[in-house]
Amino acid sequence: KVNSKLPSSMIQTNSILKKYKNITSKEKKKREAIAYILENKDIKLKKLTLEKDVLNLQLINTDKRRADTYISKKYKILSSQVTSLSLDIKVKL
């Protein structure tokens, strides 16, 4: 405990470790979602932004139905709209 500068109380130590475990699990889910979307060769990603638990995707020259069905197999789509040649999708993680 002294080397890693953890508190002396086990209750405090366990609380800190639990907090970091939750953070790492959330980050792992984000990383898996991005990898899942990028592994599909039909989806041409133009821009990707992440706001808390919502993944905003901007796709170009992509069929809306194919992209929606592929993403909705694993994640919930909050919105999906086409503007000119780009497709904007918001995905709940």
N, C-alpha and C. Protein backbone atom coordinates (compact mmCIF):
# COMPACT_ATOMS: atom_id res chain seq x y z
N LYS A 1 0.82 -1.20 0.00
CA LYS A 1 0.00 0.00 0.00
C LYS A 1 0.86 1.26 0.00
N VAL A 2 1.96 1.23 0.71
CA VAL A 2 2.83 2.41 0.82
C VAL A 2 3.45 2.73 -0.53
N ASN A 3 3.88 1.71 -1.26
CA ASN A 3 4.53 1.94 -2.56
C ASN A 3 3.57 2.54 -3.58
N SER A 4 2.33 2.12 -3.56
CA SER A 4 1.36 2.63 -4.54
C SER A 4 0.54 3.78 -4.01
N LYS A 5 0.86 4.25 -2.82
CA LYS A 5 0.21 5.42 -2.20
C LYS A 5 -1.29 5.24 -2.02
N LEU A 6 -1.70 4.05 -1.63
CA LEU A 6 -3.10 3.79 -1.33
C LEU A 6 -3.39 4.14 0.12
N PRO A 7 -4.64 4.44 0.45
CA PRO A 7 -4.97 4.75 1.84
C PRO A 7 -4.76 3.53 2.75
N SER A 8 -4.63 3.79 4.01
CA SER A 8 -4.36 2.70 4.96
C SER A 8 -5.60 1.84 5.22
N SER A 9 -6.77 2.40 5.10
CA SER A 9 -8.01 1.67 5.35
C SER A 9 -8.38 0.81 4.15
N MET A 10 -8.78 -0.43 4.40
CA MET A 10 -9.19 -1.33 3.32
C MET A 10 -10.49 -0.89 2.67
N ILE A 11 -11.36 -0.24 3.43
CA ILE A 11 -12.63 0.24 2.88
C ILE A 11 -12.35 1.31 1.81
N GLN A 12 -11.46 2.24 2.13
CA GLN A 12 -11.11 3.28 1.17
C GLN A 12 -10.40 2.67 -0.04
N THR A 13 -9.52 1.74 0.21
CA THR A 13 -8.78 1.09 -0.88
C THR A 13 -9.74 0.37 -1.82
N ASN A 14 -10.66 -0.40 -1.25
CA ASN A 14 -11.63 -1.12 -2.07
C ASN A 14 -12.53 -0.17 -2.86
N SER A 15 -12.88 0.95 -2.27
CA SER A 15 -13.70 1.93 -2.95
C SER A 15 -12.96 2.51 -4.16
N ILE A 16 -11.70 2.83 -3.98
CA ILE A 16 -10.89 3.38 -5.09
C ILE A 16 -10.74 2.35 -6.20
N LEU A 17 -10.45 1.11 -5.82
CA LEU A 17 -10.29 0.05 -6.82
C LEU A 17 -11.58 -0.22 -7.58
N LYS A 18 -12.71 -0.17 -6.90
CA LYS A 18 -14.01 -0.38 -7.55
C LYS A 18 -14.30 0.74 -8.55
N LYS A 19 -13.97 1.97 -8.16
CA LYS A 19 -14.18 3.13 -9.04
C LYS A 19 -13.37 2.97 -10.33
N TYR A 20 -12.10 2.59 -10.20
CA TYR A 20 -11.25 2.43 -11.37
C TYR A 20 -11.68 1.24 -12.22
N LYS A 21 -12.21 0.22 -11.59
CA LYS A 21 -12.70 -0.94 -12.33
C LYS A 21 -13.90 -0.55 -13.20
N ASN A 22 -14.79 0.29 -12.65
CA ASN A 22 -15.95 0.77 -13.43
C ASN A 22 -15.50 1.63 -14.61
N ILE A 23 -14.52 2.48 -14.38
CA ILE A 23 -14.02 3.34 -15.45
C ILE A 23 -13.39 2.51 -16.56
N THR A 24 -12.60 1.52 -16.20
CA THR A 24 -11.96 0.69 -17.22
C THR A 24 -12.98 -0.14 -18.00
N SER A 25 -14.04 -0.59 -17.35
CA SER A 25 -15.05 -1.36 -18.08
C SER A 25 -15.80 -0.48 -19.08
N LYS A 26 -16.06 0.77 -18.71
CA LYS A 26 -16.73 1.69 -19.65
C LYS A 26 -15.83 1.98 -20.85
N GLU A 27 -14.55 2.20 -20.60
CA GLU A 27 -13.61 2.48 -21.68
C GLU A 27 -13.45 1.26 -22.59
N LYS A 28 -13.51 0.09 -22.03
CA LYS A 28 -13.42 -1.13 -22.83
C LYS A 28 -14.62 -1.28 -23.74
N LYS A 29 -15.82 -0.92 -23.24
CA LYS A 29 -17.03 -0.98 -24.06
C LYS A 29 -16.94 0.00 -25.23
N LYS A 30 -16.40 1.18 -24.98
CA LYS A 30 -16.23 2.18 -26.04
C LYS A 30 -15.28 1.66 -27.11
N ARG A 31 -14.17 1.09 -26.68
CA ARG A 31 -13.18 0.57 -27.61
C ARG A 31 -13.75 -0.59 -28.44
N GLU A 32 -14.53 -1.45 -27.83
CA GLU A 32 -15.15 -2.56 -28.55
C GLU A 32 -16.17 -2.07 -29.57
N ALA A 33 -16.92 -1.04 -29.23
CA ALA A 33 -17.91 -0.49 -30.16
C ALA A 33 -17.23 0.12 -31.38
N ILE A 34 -16.17 0.86 -31.16
CA ILE A 34 -15.45 1.47 -32.28
C ILE A 34 -14.82 0.39 -33.16
N ALA A 35 -14.26 -0.63 -32.55
CA ALA A 35 -13.66 -1.73 -33.32
C ALA A 35 -14.72 -2.47 -34.12
N TYR A 36 -15.90 -2.68 -33.53
CA TYR A 36 -16.99 -3.37 -34.22
C TYR A 36 -17.42 -2.60 -35.47
N ILE A 37 -17.51 -1.30 -35.36
CA ILE A 37 -17.94 -0.48 -36.51
C ILE A 37 -16.85 -0.42 -37.57
N LEU A 38 -15.60 -0.32 -37.15
CA LEU A 38 -14.50 -0.22 -38.12
C LEU A 38 -14.20 -1.53 -38.84
N GLU A 39 -14.60 -2.66 -38.28
CA GLU A 39 -14.29 -3.94 -38.93
C GLU A 39 -15.15 -4.22 -40.16
N ASN A 40 -16.27 -3.50 -40.30
CA ASN A 40 -17.11 -3.67 -41.47
C ASN A 40 -16.54 -2.83 -42.62
N LYS A 41 -16.20 -3.48 -43.72
CA LYS A 41 -15.58 -2.79 -44.86
C LYS A 41 -16.58 -1.97 -45.68
N ASP A 42 -17.89 -2.26 -45.53
CA ASP A 42 -18.90 -1.51 -46.28
C ASP A 42 -19.13 -0.11 -45.70
N ILE A 43 -18.79 0.06 -44.45
CA ILE A 43 -18.99 1.36 -43.79
C ILE A 43 -17.75 2.22 -44.00
N LYS A 44 -17.96 3.36 -44.66
CA LYS A 44 -16.86 4.29 -44.91
C LYS A 44 -17.00 5.46 -43.94
N LEU A 45 -16.16 5.47 -42.95
CA LEU A 45 -16.24 6.45 -41.88
C LEU A 45 -15.55 7.75 -42.26
N LYS A 46 -16.28 8.85 -42.11
CA LYS A 46 -15.70 10.16 -42.36
C LYS A 46 -15.28 10.81 -41.04
N LYS A 47 -16.14 10.71 -40.03
CA LYS A 47 -15.87 11.36 -38.76
C LYS A 47 -16.50 10.55 -37.63
N LEU A 48 -15.81 10.49 -36.51
CA LEU A 48 -16.29 9.77 -35.34
C LEU A 48 -16.06 10.63 -34.12
N THR A 49 -17.12 10.90 -33.37
CA THR A 49 -16.98 11.65 -32.12
C THR A 49 -17.68 10.88 -31.01
N LEU A 50 -17.20 11.08 -29.81
CA LEU A 50 -17.75 10.37 -28.66
C LEU A 50 -18.12 11.39 -27.60
N GLU A 51 -19.39 11.37 -27.21
CA GLU A 51 -19.89 12.27 -26.16
C GLU A 51 -20.55 11.42 -25.09
N LYS A 52 -19.88 11.26 -23.98
CA LYS A 52 -20.32 10.42 -22.86
C LYS A 52 -20.62 9.01 -23.36
N ASP A 53 -21.89 8.61 -23.39
CA ASP A 53 -22.25 7.26 -23.82
C ASP A 53 -22.86 7.22 -25.21
N VAL A 54 -22.66 8.27 -25.99
CA VAL A 54 -23.22 8.35 -27.35
C VAL A 54 -22.08 8.47 -28.36
N LEU A 55 -22.10 7.59 -29.32
CA LEU A 55 -21.10 7.58 -30.38
C LEU A 55 -21.73 8.22 -31.62
N ASN A 56 -21.16 9.32 -32.09
CA ASN A 56 -21.66 10.02 -33.27
C ASN A 56 -20.81 9.62 -34.47
N LEU A 57 -21.46 9.05 -35.47
CA LEU A 57 -20.76 8.60 -36.67
C LEU A 57 -21.21 9.42 -37.86
N GLN A 58 -20.27 9.81 -38.68
CA GLN A 58 -20.59 10.46 -39.95
C GLN A 58 -19.98 9.60 -41.04
N LEU A 59 -20.84 9.00 -41.85
CA LEU A 59 -20.41 8.06 -42.88
C LEU A 59 -20.62 8.68 -44.25
N ILE A 60 -19.78 8.30 -45.21
CA ILE A 60 -19.94 8.79 -46.58
C ILE A 60 -20.13 7.61 -47.52
N ASN A 61 -20.95 7.81 -48.53
CA ASN A 61 -21.24 6.80 -49.55
C ASN A 61 -21.56 5.44 -48.95
N THR A 62 -22.44 5.44 -47.96
CA THR A 62 -22.81 4.20 -47.29
C THR A 62 -24.32 4.02 -47.37
N ASP A 63 -24.75 2.80 -47.65
CA ASP A 63 -26.17 2.48 -47.70
C ASP A 63 -26.75 2.54 -46.29
N LYS A 64 -27.80 3.34 -46.13
CA LYS A 64 -28.39 3.55 -44.81
C LYS A 64 -28.92 2.26 -44.20
N ARG A 65 -29.62 1.47 -44.99
CA ARG A 65 -30.20 0.23 -44.48
C ARG A 65 -29.13 -0.74 -44.01
N ARG A 66 -28.08 -0.91 -44.79
CA ARG A 66 -27.00 -1.83 -44.41
C ARG A 66 -26.30 -1.38 -43.14
N ALA A 67 -26.01 -0.10 -43.07
CA ALA A 67 -25.32 0.43 -41.89
C ALA A 67 -26.21 0.29 -40.65
N ASP A 68 -27.48 0.63 -40.79
CA ASP A 68 -28.40 0.54 -39.65
C ASP A 68 -28.56 -0.90 -39.16
N THR A 69 -28.72 -1.84 -40.08
CA THR A 69 -28.91 -3.23 -39.66
C THR A 69 -27.63 -3.78 -39.02
N TYR A 70 -26.48 -3.44 -39.57
CA TYR A 70 -25.22 -3.93 -39.01
C TYR A 70 -24.99 -3.40 -37.60
N ILE A 71 -25.19 -2.10 -37.41
CA ILE A 71 -24.95 -1.50 -36.10
C ILE A 71 -26.01 -1.92 -35.09
N SER A 72 -27.26 -2.03 -35.53
CA SER A 72 -28.34 -2.37 -34.60
C SER A 72 -28.30 -3.83 -34.13
N LYS A 73 -27.48 -4.66 -34.77
CA LYS A 73 -27.32 -6.03 -34.28
C LYS A 73 -26.72 -6.04 -32.88
N LYS A 74 -25.89 -5.08 -32.59
CA LYS A 74 -25.15 -5.08 -31.33
C LYS A 74 -25.43 -3.86 -30.45
N TYR A 75 -25.82 -2.73 -31.06
CA TYR A 75 -26.00 -1.49 -30.31
C TYR A 75 -27.32 -0.83 -30.68
N LYS A 76 -27.78 0.05 -29.80
CA LYS A 76 -29.03 0.76 -30.03
C LYS A 76 -28.76 2.06 -30.78
N ILE A 77 -29.48 2.26 -31.87
CA ILE A 77 -29.33 3.48 -32.67
C ILE A 77 -30.33 4.51 -32.16
N LEU A 78 -29.82 5.66 -31.76
CA LEU A 78 -30.69 6.73 -31.27
C LEU A 78 -31.30 7.52 -32.42
N SER A 79 -30.48 7.82 -33.44
CA SER A 79 -31.00 8.52 -34.62
C SER A 79 -30.12 8.20 -35.82
N SER A 80 -30.75 8.30 -36.98
CA SER A 80 -30.04 8.03 -38.22
C SER A 80 -30.66 8.90 -39.30
N GLN A 81 -29.87 9.79 -39.89
CA GLN A 81 -30.41 10.68 -40.92
C GLN A 81 -29.40 10.91 -42.04
N VAL A 82 -29.94 11.06 -43.23
CA VAL A 82 -29.12 11.28 -44.42
C VAL A 82 -29.16 12.76 -44.77
N THR A 83 -27.97 13.34 -44.98
CA THR A 83 -27.86 14.71 -45.47
C THR A 83 -26.89 14.70 -46.64
N SER A 84 -27.38 15.00 -47.81
CA SER A 84 -26.65 14.94 -49.08
C SER A 84 -25.95 13.59 -49.21
N LEU A 85 -24.63 13.53 -49.22
CA LEU A 85 -23.92 12.27 -49.38
C LEU A 85 -23.49 11.62 -48.07
N SER A 86 -23.76 12.29 -46.96
CA SER A 86 -23.30 11.73 -45.68
C SER A 86 -24.48 11.18 -44.88
N LEU A 87 -24.17 10.21 -44.06
CA LEU A 87 -25.14 9.57 -43.18
C LEU A 87 -24.69 9.79 -41.75
N ASP A 88 -25.54 10.42 -40.95
CA ASP A 88 -25.22 10.70 -39.55
C ASP A 88 -25.98 9.72 -38.65
N ILE A 89 -25.24 8.98 -37.84
CA ILE A 89 -25.84 7.99 -36.95
C ILE A 89 -25.37 8.26 -35.54
N LYS A 90 -26.33 8.24 -34.60
CA LYS A 90 -26.00 8.35 -33.18
C LYS A 90 -26.31 7.01 -32.54
N VAL A 91 -25.29 6.45 -31.87
CA VAL A 91 -25.38 5.11 -31.30
C VAL A 91 -25.22 5.19 -29.78
N LYS A 92 -26.12 4.55 -29.07
CA LYS A 92 -26.03 4.47 -27.59
C LYS A 92 -25.14 3.29 -27.22
N LEU A 93 -24.14 3.55 -26.40
CA LEU A 93 -23.23 2.48 -25.98
C LEU A 93 -23.76 1.79 -24.74
